[in-house]
Amino acid sequence: GGEDGDYTLNKVQMLLLHCEKAFGAAKGGEPPTREEIDQVASLVSTITARDMLGDSPAPSDRIVQYTDVYDGDDYTICLFQVPKGARLPMHNHPGMHVLSKVLFGELSVDAYDAVHQSDANGQAADSPPFEVSVSVKNDSWTENGKAHYTGPREGNIHEFRAVTDCCVLDVLAPPYDFSGGRRCTYYEVEKRHDGSHWASPVRCPPDYITRGVAYAGVPRDVPQT
């Protein structure tokens, strides 16, 4: 509301402005401050399925649906619609800040931290296992929860399993770079007899299939200030 000509931003436009401030090119490669991340997280926590999905129908089959909301050089905003029983297999986020919010449904999440930070970056599928510590195990994330933060060190390797049909919003900064150093690596994690956990890089699991779906939520164009 307010004066004539005043422009009210929707949640997605506000999110783009907050992400630009925290992660955008104007930062000149400076890492985001905790305060900037918290500001993005506070906004992500308020976003609903209607903001992002409009009235688009839920997937009718059992394939994970992926939607690009915004795909830039400095950050990416995307949606995963995950049918009950499906998963986003154990994977990493090398050098990345990630904010995740369940928009509907329930996820069960396992997350691990690399014990030695040098192990946390990209790994070839045939490289040796490395030790990880448990960050969370069978953690329940629902639409009633806040945004969850995954940092370059905190919970950087994680798996999402859909307890019910669900949708998760992800903000990734910087995005994956498959030609550069930020590749997505998949893992199997095993618990050894001494109680330690070890992550082995593996090829993308054959049961993990995604389908790209066009964005159908509220407008994404950000007015020039």
Protein backbone atom coordinates (compact mmCIF):
# COMPACT_ATOMS: atom_id res chain seq x y z
CA GLY A 1 0.00 0.00 0.00
CA GLY A 2 1.11 3.57 0.62
CA GLU A 3 1.50 6.33 -1.95
CA ASP A 4 0.25 5.99 -5.51
CA GLY A 5 2.91 4.33 -7.63
CA ASP A 6 4.30 2.52 -4.61
CA TYR A 7 5.37 -1.02 -5.52
CA THR A 8 4.83 -3.92 -3.15
CA LEU A 9 7.35 -6.70 -3.70
CA ASN A 10 6.21 -10.30 -3.48
CA LYS A 11 8.18 -12.83 -1.42
CA VAL A 12 10.23 -14.10 -4.36
CA GLN A 13 11.25 -10.59 -5.41
CA MET A 14 12.19 -9.80 -1.80
CA LEU A 15 14.23 -13.00 -1.69
CA LEU A 16 16.12 -12.01 -4.86
CA LEU A 17 16.94 -8.60 -3.36
CA HIS A 18 18.13 -10.15 -0.09
CA CYS A 19 20.24 -12.74 -1.96
CA GLU A 20 21.75 -10.02 -4.14
CA LYS A 21 22.78 -8.13 -1.01
CA ALA A 22 24.24 -11.20 0.72
CA PHE A 23 25.74 -13.12 -2.19
CA GLY A 24 25.65 -10.91 -5.31
CA ALA A 25 28.39 -9.66 -7.61
CA ALA A 26 28.65 -6.37 -5.72
CA LYS A 27 30.21 -8.33 -2.82
CA GLY A 28 33.28 -8.83 -5.04
CA GLY A 29 33.84 -12.34 -3.75
CA GLU A 30 33.62 -11.34 -0.08
CA PRO A 31 31.91 -14.14 1.86
CA PRO A 32 28.47 -13.31 3.26
CA THR A 33 28.37 -12.17 6.87
CA ARG A 34 26.39 -14.17 9.40
CA GLU A 35 23.99 -11.23 9.65
CA GLU A 36 23.38 -11.26 5.87
CA ILE A 37 22.78 -15.02 5.93
CA ASP A 38 20.38 -14.60 8.88
CA GLN A 39 18.44 -11.94 6.96
CA VAL A 40 18.00 -14.27 3.98
CA ALA A 41 17.09 -17.14 6.34
CA SER A 42 14.44 -15.02 8.11
CA LEU A 43 12.77 -14.29 4.79
CA VAL A 44 13.07 -17.88 3.51
CA SER A 45 11.36 -19.01 6.74
CA THR A 46 8.22 -17.06 5.77
CA ILE A 47 7.90 -18.34 2.18
CA THR A 48 4.96 -20.64 1.46
CA ALA A 49 4.14 -23.23 -1.18
CA ARG A 50 1.64 -20.81 -2.75
CA ASP A 51 4.37 -18.17 -3.21
CA MET A 52 6.56 -20.60 -5.11
CA LEU A 53 4.19 -23.04 -6.77
CA GLY A 54 1.08 -20.95 -7.42
CA ASP A 55 -1.68 -23.45 -8.14
CA SER A 56 0.50 -25.79 -10.19
CA PRO A 57 -0.47 -29.45 -9.67
CA ALA A 58 1.66 -31.79 -7.60
CA PRO A 59 3.65 -34.44 -9.48
CA SER A 60 1.42 -37.33 -10.53
CA ASP A 61 4.23 -39.90 -10.66
CA ARG A 62 7.12 -40.85 -8.39
CA ILE A 63 9.90 -38.82 -10.00
CA VAL A 64 11.63 -35.93 -8.20
CA GLN A 65 10.72 -32.65 -9.92
CA TYR A 66 13.28 -29.83 -10.08
CA THR A 67 12.44 -26.18 -10.81
CA ASP A 68 14.86 -23.29 -11.33
CA VAL A 69 13.41 -20.18 -9.70
CA TYR A 70 16.57 -18.15 -10.33
CA ASP A 71 19.84 -19.39 -11.83
CA GLY A 72 22.72 -16.92 -11.62
CA ASP A 73 26.50 -16.90 -11.36
CA ASP A 74 26.50 -15.92 -7.68
CA TYR A 75 23.53 -17.87 -6.32
CA THR A 76 20.76 -20.22 -7.38
CA ILE A 77 17.20 -20.55 -6.04
CA CYS A 78 15.46 -23.82 -6.83
CA LEU A 79 12.63 -26.14 -5.80
CA PHE A 80 12.58 -29.90 -5.39
CA GLN A 81 9.21 -31.67 -5.28
CA VAL A 82 9.93 -35.07 -3.76
CA PRO A 83 7.27 -37.83 -3.77
CA LYS A 84 6.77 -39.93 -0.63
CA GLY A 85 9.48 -42.59 -0.36
CA ALA A 86 11.89 -40.86 -2.76
CA ARG A 87 15.12 -39.19 -1.70
CA LEU A 88 17.78 -36.68 -2.61
CA PRO A 89 20.77 -39.01 -2.08
CA MET A 90 23.68 -38.16 0.22
CA HIS A 91 25.57 -35.29 -1.47
CA ASN A 92 27.88 -32.38 -0.69
CA HIS A 93 27.98 -28.60 -1.16
CA PRO A 94 31.67 -27.70 -1.62
CA GLY A 95 32.43 -24.22 -0.28
CA MET A 96 28.73 -23.31 -0.42
CA HIS A 97 26.14 -21.66 1.81
CA VAL A 98 22.73 -23.35 1.52
CA LEU A 99 19.36 -22.39 3.00
CA SER A 100 16.59 -24.99 2.78
CA LYS A 101 12.90 -24.64 3.68
CA VAL A 102 10.21 -27.31 3.45
CA LEU A 103 7.17 -25.71 1.77
CA PHE A 104 4.85 -28.65 2.34
CA GLY A 105 5.13 -32.20 3.67
CA GLU A 106 7.88 -33.76 5.78
CA LEU A 107 11.51 -34.66 5.14
CA SER A 108 13.78 -36.89 7.21
CA VAL A 109 17.34 -35.56 7.07
CA ASP A 110 20.76 -37.04 7.83
CA ALA A 111 23.69 -34.60 7.74
CA TYR A 112 27.42 -35.01 8.33
CA ASP A 113 30.46 -32.77 8.68
CA ALA A 114 33.89 -33.72 7.34
CA VAL A 115 36.23 -34.24 10.32
CA HIS A 116 39.13 -32.78 8.30
CA GLN A 117 38.06 -29.74 6.32
CA SER A 118 40.29 -30.62 3.35
CA ASP A 119 38.01 -33.64 2.75
CA ALA A 120 34.85 -31.54 2.44
CA ASN A 121 35.50 -30.29 -1.08
CA GLY A 122 34.79 -32.09 -4.35
CA GLN A 123 35.82 -35.74 -4.50
CA ALA A 124 36.16 -38.06 -7.46
CA ALA A 125 33.95 -41.16 -7.33
CA ASP A 126 36.98 -43.43 -6.89
CA SER A 127 38.71 -41.45 -4.13
CA PRO A 128 39.20 -43.05 -0.69
CA PRO A 129 36.68 -42.77 2.17
CA PHE A 130 37.12 -39.96 4.67
CA GLU A 131 35.90 -39.58 8.25
CA VAL A 132 32.75 -37.59 9.00
CA SER A 133 30.91 -36.67 12.19
CA VAL A 134 27.15 -36.83 12.59
CA SER A 135 25.49 -33.41 12.47
CA VAL A 136 21.87 -34.66 12.55
CA LYS A 137 20.32 -38.11 12.14
CA ASN A 138 16.68 -38.71 11.11
CA ASP A 139 15.94 -35.03 11.76
CA SER A 140 12.33 -34.15 10.88
CA TRP A 141 11.85 -31.04 8.73
CA THR A 142 8.28 -29.84 8.08
CA GLU A 143 6.52 -26.83 6.59
CA ASN A 144 6.08 -25.50 10.14
CA GLY A 145 9.83 -25.26 10.58
CA LYS A 146 12.26 -22.46 9.82
CA ALA A 147 14.90 -22.28 7.11
CA HIS A 148 17.77 -24.71 7.74
CA TYR A 149 21.35 -23.57 7.15
CA THR A 150 24.04 -25.76 5.60
CA GLY A 151 27.46 -24.08 5.59
CA PRO A 152 30.83 -24.84 4.04
CA ARG A 153 31.53 -26.71 7.30
CA GLU A 154 28.13 -27.29 8.96
CA GLY A 155 26.16 -30.33 7.79
CA ASN A 156 27.77 -30.05 4.39
CA ILE A 157 27.03 -33.64 3.36
CA HIS A 158 23.34 -34.49 3.65
CA GLU A 159 20.49 -36.68 2.44
CA PHE A 160 16.77 -35.80 2.24
CA ARG A 161 14.15 -38.59 2.40
CA ALA A 162 10.48 -37.77 1.78
CA VAL A 163 8.29 -39.06 4.63
CA THR A 164 5.27 -37.64 2.75
CA ASP A 165 4.98 -35.95 -0.63
CA CYS A 166 6.90 -32.74 -0.06
CA CYS A 167 8.53 -29.70 -1.60
CA VAL A 168 11.76 -28.03 -0.49
CA LEU A 169 13.09 -24.60 -1.46
CA ASP A 170 16.89 -24.30 -1.72
CA VAL A 171 19.06 -21.19 -1.94
CA LEU A 172 22.65 -22.12 -2.93
CA ALA A 173 25.48 -19.56 -2.87
CA PRO A 174 27.64 -19.88 -4.83
CA PRO A 175 25.91 -22.44 -7.08
CA TYR A 176 27.39 -25.74 -8.17
CA ASP A 177 29.95 -25.36 -10.95
CA PHE A 178 30.36 -28.64 -12.79
CA SER A 179 33.15 -27.32 -15.00
CA GLY A 180 35.02 -25.78 -12.08
CA GLY A 181 35.73 -26.84 -8.52
CA ARG A 182 32.20 -27.05 -7.12
CA ARG A 183 30.91 -30.36 -8.41
CA CYS A 184 28.12 -32.26 -6.67
CA THR A 185 29.54 -35.50 -5.27
CA TYR A 186 27.37 -38.36 -3.98
CA TYR A 187 28.33 -40.54 -1.01
CA GLU A 188 27.60 -43.66 0.93
CA VAL A 189 28.20 -43.30 4.67
CA GLU A 190 29.08 -46.35 6.77
CA LYS A 191 29.41 -46.70 10.53
CA ARG A 192 32.47 -48.73 11.50
CA HIS A 193 32.80 -51.07 14.48
CA ASP A 194 34.64 -48.39 16.48
CA GLY A 195 31.60 -46.10 16.11
CA SER A 196 33.22 -43.75 13.59
CA HIS A 197 31.47 -42.78 10.34
CA TRP A 198 33.17 -42.75 6.94
CA ALA A 199 31.92 -41.25 3.67
CA SER A 200 32.84 -42.94 0.38
CA PRO A 201 32.33 -40.98 -2.86
CA VAL A 202 30.10 -42.93 -5.28
CA ARG A 203 28.54 -42.39 -8.70
CA CYS A 204 25.07 -40.84 -8.79
CA PRO A 205 22.68 -43.56 -7.53
CA PRO A 206 20.75 -45.07 -10.46
CA ASP A 207 17.41 -44.67 -8.65
CA TYR A 208 17.87 -40.88 -8.48
CA ILE A 209 16.03 -39.43 -11.48
CA THR A 210 14.88 -35.82 -11.73
CA ARG A 211 12.63 -34.02 -14.16
CA GLY A 212 12.92 -30.30 -14.86
CA VAL A 213 9.64 -28.39 -14.50
CA ALA A 214 8.92 -24.77 -15.45
CA TYR A 215 8.46 -22.23 -12.66
CA ALA A 216 4.79 -21.32 -12.06
CA GLY A 217 4.90 -19.20 -8.89
CA VAL A 218 4.58 -15.46 -8.31
CA PRO A 219 6.46 -13.08 -10.69
CA ARG A 220 10.24 -13.10 -10.39
CA ASP A 221 11.14 -9.81 -12.07
CA VAL A 222 12.74 -7.39 -9.64
CA PRO A 223 12.05 -3.69 -10.25
CA GLN A 224 15.21 -1.65 -10.73
CA THR A 225 15.75 0.58 -7.72
